[in-house]
C-alpha atoms as a PDB file:
ATOM      1  CA  MET A   1      91.675  92.451  71.144  1.00  0.00           C
ATOM      2  CA  ASN A   2      90.589  95.737  69.526  1.00  0.00           C
ATOM      3  CA  LEU A   3      87.551  97.610  70.752  1.00  0.00           C
ATOM      4  CA  ASN A   4      84.447  97.258  68.548  1.00  0.00           C
ATOM      5  CA  PRO A   5      83.970 100.376  66.342  1.00  0.00           C
ATOM      6  CA  HIS A   6      80.363 100.660  67.555  1.00  0.00           C
ATOM      7  CA  ILE A   7      81.536 100.689  71.172  1.00  0.00           C
ATOM      8  CA  LEU A   8      84.176 103.304  70.317  1.00  0.00           C
ATOM      9  CA  ASN A   9      81.472 105.466  68.748  1.00  0.00           C
ATOM     10  CA  ILE A  10      79.351 105.232  71.914  1.00  0.00           C
ATOM     11  CA  ILE A  11      82.397 106.116  74.040  1.00  0.00           C
ATOM     12  CA  ARG A  12      83.206 109.152  71.906  1.00  0.00           C
ATOM     13  CA  LYS A  13      79.621 110.403  72.079  1.00  0.00           C
ATOM     14  CA  ALA A  14      79.493 109.865  75.845  1.00  0.00           C
ATOM     15  CA  THR A  15      82.665 111.901  76.314  1.00  0.00           C
ATOM     16  CA  LEU A  16      81.678 114.698  73.886  1.00  0.00           C
ATOM     17  CA  SER A  17      80.669 117.045  76.687  1.00  0.00           C
ATOM     18  CA  THR A  18      84.030 116.422  78.390  1.00  0.00           C
ATOM     19  CA  ARG A  19      85.873 117.287  75.180  1.00  0.00           C
ATOM     20  CA  GLN A  20      83.911 120.502  74.813  1.00  0.00           C
ATOM     21  CA  LEU A  21      84.891 121.538  78.309  1.00  0.00           C
ATOM     22  CA  VAL A  22      88.528 120.625  77.718  1.00  0.00           C
ATOM     23  CA  ASN A  23      88.675 122.635  74.493  1.00  0.00           C
ATOM     24  CA  LEU A  24      87.491 125.836  76.147  1.00  0.00           C
ATOM     25  CA  SER A  25      90.221 128.402  75.957  1.00  0.00           C
ATOM     26  CA  THR A  26      91.202 130.478  78.973  1.00  0.00           C
ATOM     27  CA  LYS A  27      89.532 133.454  77.259  1.00  0.00           C
ATOM     28  CA  ASP A  28      86.252 131.524  76.950  1.00  0.00           C
ATOM     29  CA  ILE A  29      86.420 130.532  80.622  1.00  0.00           C
ATOM     30  CA  ILE A  30      87.011 134.136  81.719  1.00  0.00           C
ATOM     31  CA  ARG A  31      84.195 135.374  79.442  1.00  0.00           C
ATOM     32  CA  LYS A  32      81.731 132.840  80.854  1.00  0.00           C
ATOM     33  CA  ALA A  33      82.820 133.637  84.410  1.00  0.00           C
ATOM     34  CA  THR A  34      82.304 137.337  83.673  1.00  0.00           C
ATOM     35  CA  LEU A  35      78.785 136.729  82.327  1.00  0.00           C
ATOM     36  CA  SER A  36      77.939 134.701  85.431  1.00  0.00           C
ATOM     37  CA  THR A  37      79.223 137.547  87.621  1.00  0.00           C
ATOM     38  CA  ARG A  38      77.003 140.079  85.813  1.00  0.00           C
ATOM     39  CA  GLN A  39      73.971 137.952  86.601  1.00  0.00           C
ATOM     40  CA  LEU A  40      74.727 138.406  90.286  1.00  0.00           C
ATOM     41  CA  VAL A  41      74.305 142.180  90.332  1.00  0.00           C
ATOM     42  CA  ASN A  42      70.959 141.885  92.045  1.00  0.00           C
ATOM     43  CA  LEU A  43      72.555 140.254  95.084  1.00  0.00           C
ATOM     44  CA  SER A  44      73.455 142.261  98.148  1.00  0.00           C
ATOM     45  CA  THR A  45      76.709 144.248  97.949  1.00  0.00           C
ATOM     46  CA  LYS A  46      78.300 142.179 100.709  1.00  0.00           C
ATOM     47  CA  LYS A  47      77.669 138.814  99.023  1.00  0.00           C
ATOM     48  CA  THR A  48      78.762 140.136  95.639  1.00  0.00           C
ATOM     49  CA  ARG A  49      82.090 141.312  97.088  1.00  0.00           C
ATOM     50  CA  GLN A  50      82.639 137.894  98.650  1.00  0.00           C
ATOM     51  CA  LEU A  51      82.093 136.218  95.289  1.00  0.00           C
ATOM     52  CA  VAL A  52      84.392 138.672  93.525  1.00  0.00           C
ATOM     53  CA  ASN A  53      87.114 137.956  96.086  1.00  0.00           C
ATOM     54  CA  LEU A  54      86.829 134.248  95.265  1.00  0.00           C
ATOM     55  CA  SER A  55      87.044 134.773  91.486  1.00  0.00           C
ATOM     56  CA  PRO A  56      90.876 134.568  91.237  1.00  0.00           C
ATOM     57  CA  ILE A  57      90.849 131.258  93.130  1.00  0.00           C
ATOM     58  CA  ILE A  58      88.132 129.847  90.867  1.00  0.00           C
ATOM     59  CA  LEU A  59      90.040 130.908  87.745  1.00  0.00           C
ATOM     60  CA  LEU A  60      93.245 129.306  89.029  1.00  0.00           C
ATOM     61  CA  LEU A  61      91.418 126.028  89.670  1.00  0.00           C
ATOM     62  CA  LEU A  62      89.878 126.108  86.201  1.00  0.00           C
ATOM     63  CA  THR A  63      93.227 126.838  84.579  1.00  0.00           C
ATOM     64  CA  GLY A  64      94.981 124.045  86.507  1.00  0.00           C
ATOM     65  CA  CYS A  65      92.271 121.552  85.603  1.00  0.00           C
ATOM     66  CA  SER A  66      92.425 122.608  81.960  1.00  0.00           C
ATOM     67  CA  THR A  67      96.217 122.156  81.885  1.00  0.00           C
ATOM     68  CA  SER A  68      95.979 118.625  83.321  1.00  0.00           C
ATOM     69  CA  ARG A  69      93.243 117.669  80.886  1.00  0.00           C
ATOM     70  CA  ASN A  70      95.208 119.067  77.928  1.00  0.00           C
ATOM     71  CA  ALA A  71      98.155 116.848  78.895  1.00  0.00           C
ATOM     72  CA  LEU A  72      95.848 113.808  78.954  1.00  0.00           C
ATOM     73  CA  ARG A  73      94.155 114.838  75.714  1.00  0.00           C
ATOM     74  CA  ASN A  74      97.490 114.862  73.876  1.00  0.00           C
ATOM     75  CA  THR A  75      98.115 111.212  74.852  1.00  0.00           C
ATOM     76  CA  VAL A  76      96.561 108.432  72.762  1.00  0.00           C
ATOM     77  CA  ILE A  77      95.992 104.934  74.204  1.00  0.00           C
ATOM     78  CA  GLY A  78      94.205 102.171  72.317  1.00  0.00           C
ATOM     79  CA  GLY A  79      92.771 104.620  69.793  1.00  0.00           C
ATOM     80  CA  LEU A  80      91.318 106.865  72.504  1.00  0.00           C
ATOM     81  CA  SER A  81      92.603 110.185  73.770  1.00  0.00           C
ATOM     82  CA  GLY A  82      94.238 110.060  77.189  1.00  0.00           C
ATOM     83  CA  THR A  83      91.230 111.780  78.750  1.00  0.00           C
ATOM     84  CA  GLU A  84      88.783 109.334  77.200  1.00  0.00           C
ATOM     85  CA  TYR A  85      90.909 106.336  78.148  1.00  0.00           C
ATOM     86  CA  MET A  86      91.414 107.386  81.790  1.00  0.00           C
ATOM     87  CA  GLU A  87      87.758 108.223  82.313  1.00  0.00           C
ATOM     88  CA  LYS A  88      86.669 104.900  80.831  1.00  0.00           C
ATOM     89  CA  VAL A  89      89.159 102.910  82.933  1.00  0.00           C
ATOM     90  CA  ILE A  90      87.698 104.522  86.062  1.00  0.00           C
ATOM     91  CA  GLU A  91      84.112 104.192  84.835  1.00  0.00           C
ATOM     92  CA  TRP A  92      84.509 100.517  83.920  1.00  0.00           C
ATOM     93  CA  THR A  93      86.168  99.528  87.218  1.00  0.00           C
ATOM     94  CA  PRO A  94      83.551  97.364  88.987  1.00  0.00           C
ATOM     95  CA  GLN A  95      82.665  98.427  92.528  1.00  0.00           C
ATOM     96  CA  ARG A  96      82.118  95.005  94.088  1.00  0.00           C
ATOM     97  CA  GLU A  97      80.774  95.217  97.632  1.00  0.00           C
ATOM     98  CA  ASN A  98      81.625  91.592  98.421  1.00  0.00           C
ATOM     99  CA  LEU A  99      84.043  89.041  97.012  1.00  0.00           C
ATOM    100  CA  THR A 100      84.486  85.410  98.027  1.00  0.00           C
ATOM    101  CA  ALA A 101      86.868  82.759  96.679  1.00  0.00           C
ATOM    102  CA  ARG A 102      88.510  79.467  97.459  1.00  0.00           C
ATOM    103  CA  THR A 103      92.232  80.262  97.527  1.00  0.00           C
ATOM    104  CA  ARG A 104      95.465  78.325  97.251  1.00  0.00           C
ATOM    105  CA  VAL A 105      98.041  80.442  99.092  1.00  0.00           C
ATOM    106  CA  GLN A 106     101.701  79.842  98.302  1.00  0.00           C
ATOM    107  CA  LEU A 107     104.440  81.679 100.159  1.00  0.00           C
ATOM    108  CA  ASN A 108     107.957  81.442  98.748  1.00  0.00           C
ATOM    109  CA  THR A 109     110.718  82.615 101.063  1.00  0.00           C
ATOM    110  CA  GLY A 110     113.732  82.316  98.809  1.00  0.00           C
ATOM    111  CA  SER A 111     114.274  78.553  98.679  1.00  0.00           C
ATOM    112  CA  GLU A 112     112.207  75.527  97.667  1.00  0.00           C
ATOM    113  CA  SER A 113     112.593  73.885 101.077  1.00  0.00           C
ATOM    114  CA  SER A 114     111.063  76.869 102.853  1.00  0.00           C
ATOM    115  CA  SER A 115     108.000  77.301 100.608  1.00  0.00           C
ATOM    116  CA  VAL A 116     104.610  77.057 102.307  1.00  0.00           C
ATOM    117  CA  SER A 117     101.330  76.245 100.578  1.00  0.00           C
ATOM    118  CA  VAL A 118      97.899  76.113 102.228  1.00  0.00           C
ATOM    119  CA  ASN A 119      94.241  76.163 101.253  1.00  0.00           C
ATOM    120  CA  ALA A 120      92.193  79.112 102.466  1.00  0.00           C
ATOM    121  CA  ASN A 121      88.927  80.942 101.994  1.00  0.00           C
ATOM    122  CA  MET A 122      89.150  84.613 101.047  1.00  0.00           C
ATOM    123  CA  ARG A 123      86.310  86.985 101.863  1.00  0.00           C
ATOM    124  CA  ILE A 124      86.244  90.720 101.285  1.00  0.00           C
ATOM    125  CA  ARG A 125      83.599  93.263 102.247  1.00  0.00           C
ATOM    126  CA  ARG A 126      84.302  96.699 100.852  1.00  0.00           C
ATOM    127  CA  GLY A 127      85.348  99.238 103.455  1.00  0.00           C
ATOM    128  CA  GLU A 128      85.098  96.706 106.290  1.00  0.00           C
ATOM    129  CA  LEU A 129      87.151  93.552 105.992  1.00  0.00           C
ATOM    130  CA  ILE A 130      89.723  91.457 104.142  1.00  0.00           C
ATOM    131  CA  ARG A 131      89.764  87.908 105.535  1.00  0.00           C
ATOM    132  CA  LEU A 132      91.892  84.836 104.857  1.00  0.00           C
ATOM    133  CA  SER A 133      90.660  81.752 106.683  1.00  0.00           C
ATOM    134  CA  VAL A 134      93.019  78.742 106.596  1.00  0.00           C
ATOM    135  CA  ALA A 135      91.061  75.478 106.536  1.00  0.00           C
ATOM    136  CA  PRO A 136      93.240  72.654 105.174  1.00  0.00           C
ATOM    137  CA  ILE A 137      91.289  69.625 106.449  1.00  0.00           C
ATOM    138  CA  LEU A 138      87.533  69.080 105.963  1.00  0.00           C
ATOM    139  CA  GLY A 139      86.932  72.833 105.985  1.00  0.00           C
ATOM    140  CA  ILE A 140      87.916  73.124 109.662  1.00  0.00           C
ATOM    141  CA  GLU A 141      89.489  76.532 110.334  1.00  0.00           C
ATOM    142  CA  VAL A 142      92.894  76.411 111.991  1.00  0.00           C
ATOM    143  CA  ALA A 143      93.899  80.056 111.514  1.00  0.00           C
ATOM    144  CA  ARG A 144      92.333  83.345 110.491  1.00  0.00           C
ATOM    145  CA  MET A 145      93.648  86.749 109.467  1.00  0.00           C
ATOM    146  CA  ASP A 146      91.293  89.734 109.475  1.00  0.00           C
ATOM    147  CA  ILE A 147      92.400  93.087 108.056  1.00  0.00           C
ATOM    148  CA  THR A 148      90.080  95.993 108.863  1.00  0.00           C
ATOM    149  CA  PRO A 149      90.433  99.794 108.667  1.00  0.00           C
ATOM    150  CA  LYS A 150      91.597  99.633 112.299  1.00  0.00           C
ATOM    151  CA  GLY A 151      94.365  97.065 111.868  1.00  0.00           C
ATOM    152  CA  VAL A 152      95.238  93.367 111.661  1.00  0.00           C
ATOM    153  CA  LEU A 153      93.946  90.456 113.762  1.00  0.00           C
ATOM    154  CA  VAL A 154      95.527  86.989 113.440  1.00  0.00           C
ATOM    155  CA  ILE A 155      93.977  84.056 115.316  1.00  0.00           C
ATOM    156  CA  ASP A 156      95.932  80.791 115.733  1.00  0.00           C
ATOM    157  CA  ARG A 157      93.318  78.226 116.737  1.00  0.00           C
ATOM    158  CA  MET A 158      95.780  75.329 116.828  1.00  0.00           C
ATOM    159  CA  ASN A 159      97.858  76.950 119.583  1.00  0.00           C
ATOM    160  CA  LYS A 160      95.015  79.028 121.081  1.00  0.00           C
ATOM    161  CA  ARG A 161      96.705  82.390 120.698  1.00  0.00           C
ATOM    162  CA  TYR A 162      96.255  85.610 118.748  1.00  0.00           C
ATOM    163  CA  VAL A 163      97.935  88.889 117.853  1.00  0.00           C
ATOM    164  CA  GLU A 164      96.247  92.234 117.205  1.00  0.00           C
ATOM    165  CA  ILE A 165      97.991  95.327 115.883  1.00  0.00           C
ATOM    166  CA  GLY A 166      96.709  98.680 114.622  1.00  0.00           C
ATOM    167  CA  PHE A 167      97.674 100.220 111.288  1.00  0.00           C
ATOM    168  CA  ALA A 168      99.225 103.209 113.047  1.00  0.00           C
ATOM    169  CA  GLU A 169     101.528 100.872 114.983  1.00  0.00           C
ATOM    170  CA  VAL A 170     102.526  99.095 111.776  1.00  0.00           C
ATOM    171  CA  ALA A 171     103.261 102.444 110.115  1.00  0.00           C
ATOM    172  CA  ASP A 172     105.323 103.509 113.114  1.00  0.00           C
ATOM    173  CA  MET A 173     107.385 100.290 113.105  1.00  0.00           C
ATOM    174  CA  LEU A 174     108.018 100.199 109.357  1.00  0.00           C
ATOM    175  CA  ASN A 175     108.081 103.972 108.841  1.00  0.00           C
ATOM    176  CA  VAL A 176     105.826 103.684 105.787  1.00  0.00           C
ATOM    177  CA  GLU A 177     102.314 104.824 104.963  1.00  0.00           C
ATOM    178  CA  VAL A 178      99.675 102.130 105.570  1.00  0.00           C
ATOM    179  CA  ASP A 179      96.299 102.481 103.875  1.00  0.00           C
ATOM    180  CA  PHE A 180      93.454  99.947 104.224  1.00  0.00           C
ATOM    181  CA  ASN A 181      91.758 101.156 101.034  1.00  0.00           C
ATOM    182  CA  ALA A 182      94.951 100.658  99.026  1.00  0.00           C
ATOM    183  CA  LEU A 183      95.394  97.136 100.420  1.00  0.00           C
ATOM    184  CA  GLN A 184      91.751  96.357  99.673  1.00  0.00           C
ATOM    185  CA  SER A 185      92.210  97.550  96.084  1.00  0.00           C
ATOM    186  CA  LEU A 186      95.174  95.194  95.645  1.00  0.00           C
ATOM    187  CA  PHE A 187      92.918  92.222  96.381  1.00  0.00           C
ATOM    188  CA  LEU A 188      89.986  93.611  94.375  1.00  0.00           C
ATOM    189  CA  ASN A 189      92.043  94.336  91.230  1.00  0.00           C
ATOM    190  CA  GLU A 190      91.341  98.088  91.252  1.00  0.00           C
ATOM    191  CA  ILE A 191      93.259 101.301  90.618  1.00  0.00           C
ATOM    192  CA  PHE A 192      93.099 103.735  93.521  1.00  0.00           C
ATOM    193  CA  LEU A 193      94.236 107.014  95.021  1.00  0.00           C
ATOM    194  CA  PRO A 194      95.795 106.780  98.517  1.00  0.00           C
ATOM    195  CA  GLY A 195      93.375 107.703 101.255  1.00  0.00           C
ATOM    196  CA  ARG A 196      90.344 107.553  98.943  1.00  0.00           C
ATOM    197  CA  GLU A 197      87.542 104.992  99.246  1.00  0.00           C
ATOM    198  CA  SER A 198      86.499 105.256  95.583  1.00  0.00           C
ATOM    199  CA  LEU A 199      87.211 107.130  92.349  1.00  0.00           C
ATOM    200  CA  THR A 200      85.085 109.185  89.981  1.00  0.00           C
ATOM    201  CA  VAL A 201      85.806 110.241  86.389  1.00  0.00           C
ATOM    202  CA  GLU A 202      86.827 113.666  87.719  1.00  0.00           C
ATOM    203  CA  ASP A 203      89.866 111.948  89.278  1.00  0.00           C
ATOM    204  CA  ALA A 204      91.320 111.208  85.824  1.00  0.00           C
ATOM    205  CA  VAL A 205      93.439 114.379  85.990  1.00  0.00           C
ATOM    206  CA  LYS A 206      95.176 113.075  89.141  1.00  0.00           C
ATOM    207  CA  PHE A 207      97.087 110.511  87.086  1.00  0.00           C
ATOM    208  CA  ASP A 208      99.939 110.924  84.609  1.00  0.00           C
ATOM    209  CA  LEU A 209      99.352 108.673  81.599  1.00  0.00           C
ATOM    210  CA  SER A 210     101.835 107.197  79.138  1.00  0.00           C
ATOM    211  CA  GLU A 211     102.326 104.045  77.059  1.00  0.00           C
ATOM    212  CA  GLN A 212     104.992 101.487  77.981  1.00  0.00           C
ATOM    213  CA  ASP A 213     105.593  98.218  76.146  1.00  0.00           C
ATOM    214  CA  GLY A 214     102.109  98.163  74.687  1.00  0.00           C
ATOM    215  CA  ARG A 215     100.399  98.847  78.020  1.00  0.00           C
ATOM    216  CA  ALA A 216      99.030 102.020  79.554  1.00  0.00           C
ATOM    217  CA  HIS A 217     101.064 103.308  82.517  1.00  0.00           C
ATOM    218  CA  LEU A 218      99.065 105.263  85.095  1.00  0.00           C
ATOM    219  CA  GLN A 219     101.169 107.146  87.665  1.00  0.00           C
ATOM    220  CA  VAL A 220      99.539 108.859  90.638  1.00  0.00           C
ATOM    221  CA  LYS A 221     100.757 112.445  90.550  1.00  0.00           C
ATOM    222  CA  ASP A 222     103.266 113.402  93.246  1.00  0.00           C
ATOM    223  CA  SER A 223     101.099 115.769  95.249  1.00  0.00           C
ATOM    224  CA  ARG A 224     101.130 116.107  99.025  1.00  0.00           C
ATOM    225  CA  SER A 225      97.543 117.321  98.913  1.00  0.00           C
ATOM    226  CA  GLN A 226      96.462 113.885  97.675  1.00  0.00           C
ATOM    227  CA  MET A 227      97.838 112.364 100.896  1.00  0.00           C
ATOM    228  CA  LYS A 228      95.838 114.672 103.174  1.00  0.00           C
ATOM    229  CA  ASP A 229      92.979 112.172 103.591  1.00  0.00           C
ATOM    230  CA  LEU A 230      95.369 109.357 104.496  1.00  0.00           C
ATOM    231  CA  HIS A 231      97.297 111.440 107.012  1.00  0.00           C
ATOM    232  CA  SER A 232      94.094 112.702 108.617  1.00  0.00           C
ATOM    233  CA  GLN A 233      93.022 109.087 109.185  1.00  0.00           C
ATOM    234  CA  MET A 234      96.182 108.418 111.183  1.00  0.00           C
ATOM    235  CA  LYS A 235      96.935 111.702 112.947  1.00  0.00           C
ATOM    236  CA  ASP A 236      94.797 110.915 115.996  1.00  0.00           C
ATOM    237  CA  SER A 237      97.017 107.994 116.998  1.00  0.00           C
ATOM    238  CA  HIS A 238      99.784 108.724 119.485  1.00  0.00           C
ATOM    239  CA  SER A 239     101.973 106.053 117.874  1.00  0.00           C
ATOM    240  CA  GLN A 240     102.194 107.985 114.619  1.00  0.00           C
ATOM    241  CA  ALA A 241     105.091 109.968 116.051  1.00  0.00           C
ATOM    242  CA  LYS A 242     107.287 110.287 112.996  1.00  0.00           C
ATOM    243  CA  ALA A 243     106.553 111.078 109.383  1.00  0.00           C
ATOM    244  CA  ALA A 244     106.156 108.011 107.194  1.00  0.00           C
ATOM    245  CA  ARG A 245     108.195 107.556 104.054  1.00  0.00           C
ATOM    246  CA  ARG A 246     106.406 108.749 100.926  1.00  0.00           C
ATOM    247  CA  MET A 247     105.067 106.158  98.516  1.00  0.00           C
ATOM    248  CA  ASN A 248     104.732 106.160  94.739  1.00  0.00           C
ATOM    249  CA  TYR A 249     101.781 104.408  93.107  1.00  0.00           C
ATOM    250  CA  SER A 250     101.740 103.096  89.525  1.00  0.00           C
ATOM    251  CA  PHE A 251      99.297 100.973  87.546  1.00  0.00           C
ATOM    252  CA  PHE A 252      99.674  99.107  84.264  1.00  0.00           C
ATOM    253  CA  THR A 253      96.459  98.477  82.338  1.00  0.00           C
ATOM    254  CA  SER A 254      95.629  96.843  79.031  1.00  0.00           C
ATOM    255  CA  ALA A 255      95.659  99.357  76.169  1.00  0.00           C
ATOM    256  CA  THR A 256      92.768  97.532  74.494  1.00  0.00           C
ATOM    257  CA  ASP A 257      90.227  96.846  77.245  1.00  0.00           C
ATOM    258  CA  GLY A 258      91.546  98.785  80.268  1.00  0.00           C
ATOM    259  CA  ARG A 259      91.800  95.819  82.657  1.00  0.00           C
ATOM    260  CA  LEU A 260      94.328  96.243  85.472  1.00  0.00           C
ATOM    261  CA  GLU A 261      97.304  93.922  84.943  1.00  0.00           C
ATOM    262  CA  GLU A 262      99.826  95.198  87.505  1.00  0.00           C
ATOM    263  CA  THR A 263     100.063  97.547  90.482  1.00  0.00           C
ATOM    264  CA  VAL A 264     103.413  98.845  91.727  1.00  0.00           C
ATOM    265  CA  ILE A 265     103.860 100.531  95.117  1.00  0.00           C
ATOM    266  CA  SER A 266     107.367 101.860  95.725  1.00  0.00           C
ATOM    267  CA  LEU A 267     109.211 103.849  98.364  1.00  0.00           C
ATOM    268  CA  LYS A 268     110.124 107.304  97.150  1.00  0.00           C
ATOM    269  CA  ASP A 269     113.887 107.704  96.478  1.00  0.00           C
ATOM    270  CA  LEU A 270     114.610 104.122  97.656  1.00  0.00           C
ATOM    271  CA  PRO A 271     115.119 100.892  95.620  1.00  0.00           C
ATOM    272  CA  TYR A 272     112.217  99.037  97.250  1.00  0.00           C
ATOM    273  CA  ALA A 273     108.867  98.242  95.683  1.00  0.00           C
ATOM    274  CA  LEU A 274     105.957  95.808  95.805  1.00  0.00           C
ATOM    275  CA  HIS A 275     104.626  94.411  92.522  1.00  0.00           C
ATOM    276  CA  CYS A 276     101.135  92.942  92.376  1.00  0.00           C
ATOM    277  CA  ARG A 277     100.462  91.126  89.095  1.00  0.00           C
ATOM    278  CA  TYR A 278      97.097  89.871  87.856  1.00  0.00           C
ATOM    279  CA  THR A 279      96.674  87.074  85.289  1.00  0.00           C
ATOM    280  CA  ASP A 280      94.270  84.343  84.141  1.00  0.00           C
ATOM    281  CA  PHE A 281      91.150  86.515  84.014  1.00  0.00           C
ATOM    282  CA  THR A 282      87.682  84.973  84.128  1.00  0.00           C
ATOM    283  CA  MET A 283      84.128  86.283  84.077  1.00  0.00           C
ATOM    284  CA  VAL A 284      82.579  87.084  87.476  1.00  0.00           C
ATOM    285  CA  GLY A 285      79.060  88.292  86.843  1.00  0.00           C
ATOM    286  CA  SER A 286      79.291  90.806  84.006  1.00  0.00           C
ATOM    287  CA  ASP A 287      82.970  91.704  84.638  1.00  0.00           C
ATOM    288  CA  VAL A 288      86.338  89.983  84.535  1.00  0.00           C
ATOM    289  CA  PHE A 289      88.458  89.129  87.574  1.00  0.00           C
ATOM    290  CA  PRO A 290      91.928  87.553  87.878  1.00  0.00           C
ATOM    291  CA  GLN A 291      92.226  83.948  89.046  1.00  0.00           C
ATOM    292  CA  SER A 292      95.907  84.486  89.813  1.00  0.00           C
ATOM    293  CA  ILE A 293      97.366  87.255  92.012  1.00  0.00           C
ATOM    294  CA  GLU A 294     101.102  87.360  92.726  1.00  0.00           C
ATOM    295  CA  LEU A 295     102.821  89.790  95.082  1.00  0.00           C
ATOM    296  CA  THR A 296     106.601  90.116  94.821  1.00  0.00           C
ATOM    297  CA  PRO A 297     108.890  92.592  96.588  1.00  0.00           C
ATOM    298  CA  GLU A 298     111.701  94.354  94.749  1.00  0.00           C
ATOM    299  CA  GLY A 299     115.027  95.295  96.355  1.00  0.00           C
ATOM    300  CA  THR A 300     115.275  92.400  98.846  1.00  0.00           C
ATOM    301  CA  GLN A 301     118.239  90.022  98.938  1.00  0.00           C
ATOM    302  CA  LYS A 302     116.053  86.923  98.709  1.00  0.00           C
ATOM    303  CA  LYS A 303     113.302  86.424  96.136  1.00  0.00           C
ATOM    304  CA  TYR A 304     110.131  86.332  98.176  1.00  0.00           C
ATOM    305  CA  SER A 305     106.666  85.974  96.676  1.00  0.00           C
ATOM    306  CA  LEU A 306     103.084  85.424  97.758  1.00  0.00           C
ATOM    307  CA  GLY A 307     100.823  83.747  95.235  1.00  0.00           C
ATOM    308  CA  LEU A 308      97.041  83.427  95.353  1.00  0.00           C
ATOM    309  CA  LYS A 309      95.282  80.978  93.019  1.00  0.00           C
ATOM    310  CA  LEU A 310      91.564  81.652  93.129  1.00  0.00           C
ATOM    311  CA  SER A 311      88.633  79.402  92.292  1.00  0.00           C
ATOM    312  CA  ARG A 312      84.874  79.447  92.940  1.00  0.00           C
ATOM    313  CA  ILE A 313      84.958  83.252  92.788  1.00  0.00           C
ATOM    314  CA  GLY A 314      81.673  84.866  93.749  1.00  0.00           C
ATOM    315  CA  THR A 315      80.042  87.953  95.220  1.00  0.00           C
ATOM    316  CA  ASP A 316      78.040  86.312  98.016  1.00  0.00           C
ATOM    317  CA  SER A 317      77.168  88.638 100.914  1.00  0.00           C
ATOM    318  CA  ASP A 318      75.636  86.026 103.234  1.00  0.00           C
ATOM    319  CA  TRP A 319      78.505  85.722 105.700  1.00  0.00           C
ATOM    320  CA  ASP A 320      79.470  87.225 109.058  1.00  0.00           C
ATOM    321  CA  ALA A 321      82.255  89.824 109.015  1.00  0.00           C
ATOM    322  CA  LYS A 322      82.785  89.728 112.790  1.00  0.00           C
ATOM    323  CA  SER A 323      85.512  87.779 114.585  1.00  0.00           C
ATOM    324  CA  GLU A 324      85.489  86.907 118.269  1.00  0.00           C
ATOM    325  CA  VAL A 325      88.593  85.777 120.123  1.00  0.00           C
ATOM    326  CA  PRO A 326      87.877  83.131 122.789  1.00  0.00           C
ATOM    327  CA  ALA A 327      88.660  84.340 126.306  1.00  0.00           C
ATOM    328  CA  LYS A 328      91.095  81.464 126.899  1.00  0.00           C
ATOM    329  CA  TYR A 329      93.329  82.452 123.983  1.00  0.00           C
ATOM    330  CA  ARG A 330      96.649  84.090 124.853  1.00  0.00           C
ATOM    331  CA  LYS A 331      97.490  87.436 123.303  1.00  0.00           C
ATOM    332  CA  MET A 332     100.941  87.543 121.719  1.00  0.00           C
ATOM    333  CA  THR A 333     103.103  90.614 121.500  1.00  0.00           C
ATOM    334  CA  VAL A 334     104.431  91.906 118.191  1.00  0.00           C
ATOM    335  CA  GLN A 335     107.954  91.063 119.372  1.00  0.00           C
ATOM    336  CA  GLU A 336     106.973  87.405 119.870  1.00  0.00           C
ATOM    337  CA  VAL A 337     105.531  87.247 116.369  1.00  0.00           C
ATOM    338  CA  MET A 338     108.666  88.785 114.863  1.00  0.00           C
ATOM    339  CA  GLN A 339     110.840  86.232 116.674  1.00  0.00           C
ATOM    340  CA  LEU A 340     108.735  83.367 115.303  1.00  0.00           C
ATOM    341  CA  ILE A 341     109.041  84.748 111.759  1.00  0.00           C
ATOM    342  CA  ILE A 342     112.825  85.138 112.062  1.00  0.00           C
ATOM    343  CA  LYS A 343     113.204  81.644 113.571  1.00  0.00           C
ATOM    344  CA  ASN A 344     111.247  80.050 110.750  1.00  0.00           C
END
């Protein structure tokens, strides 16, 4: 589906000011910075010197930003320049605060005999909670999994037991970076930057953009500074004793309408990755959302997959995000849980 010419015209007009900034030469930038400095002559000598000392840093930032934007500008996706396309993908990404859906969860563990399929309710509240509530019979909950910025809570109501583990402990065990916002974005069909709660159009320069097989490929730039927010979230935990393996983040979006079709999270310099594919899009309010989400690992001996088939998708906020564990329930250790997984 090609974009309507009228819509393209609106997009080009909306991004005109961005183009004008991108097309400024380094000479223009220096000239404008010099004029701004002259206007400051009436300030005290001390403050003026401080501003002059910062000038080289400001010019370096401007030059770096200009270089990144020039690289995007030279890329064309769906009839738009790379800059226009990236900014519109970010701008058009819906920021849903709540998402609810009836979900058919299917876990494949490498053989047909070991596949598991259950009905569940999925509820997401941005920045707070991702919940899967298993209720196979008459809507009666038998198990619940809550993922919050603090960690994971799983309640087994059938056997009156539960397990609770923090993200820092998971990162320490697996030696990988764990980010609640990234996990939330996987379920909400959103592009993201690790450690960031949301994106703005200014973040367009933090992605490398190319075209692959008729789709746009967005690659988060390999910059340690972009991981500062994520590391600062975890540094206060004593269990984060060793450095986590670096992750690469890629996104594949439609070249015509910008919808996110696949997210790939891979381990740097290792043959392991997680693919999250989105299909069967439907309208939810004024935006589209996938009715099918499939997560498949790459690099494992067996072909595992986790499929989510969604129905009755909504944005209802009238539900309680809190979970209370009954006092009589027994707390399981992580080792016990791992043994159960291996046994099954």
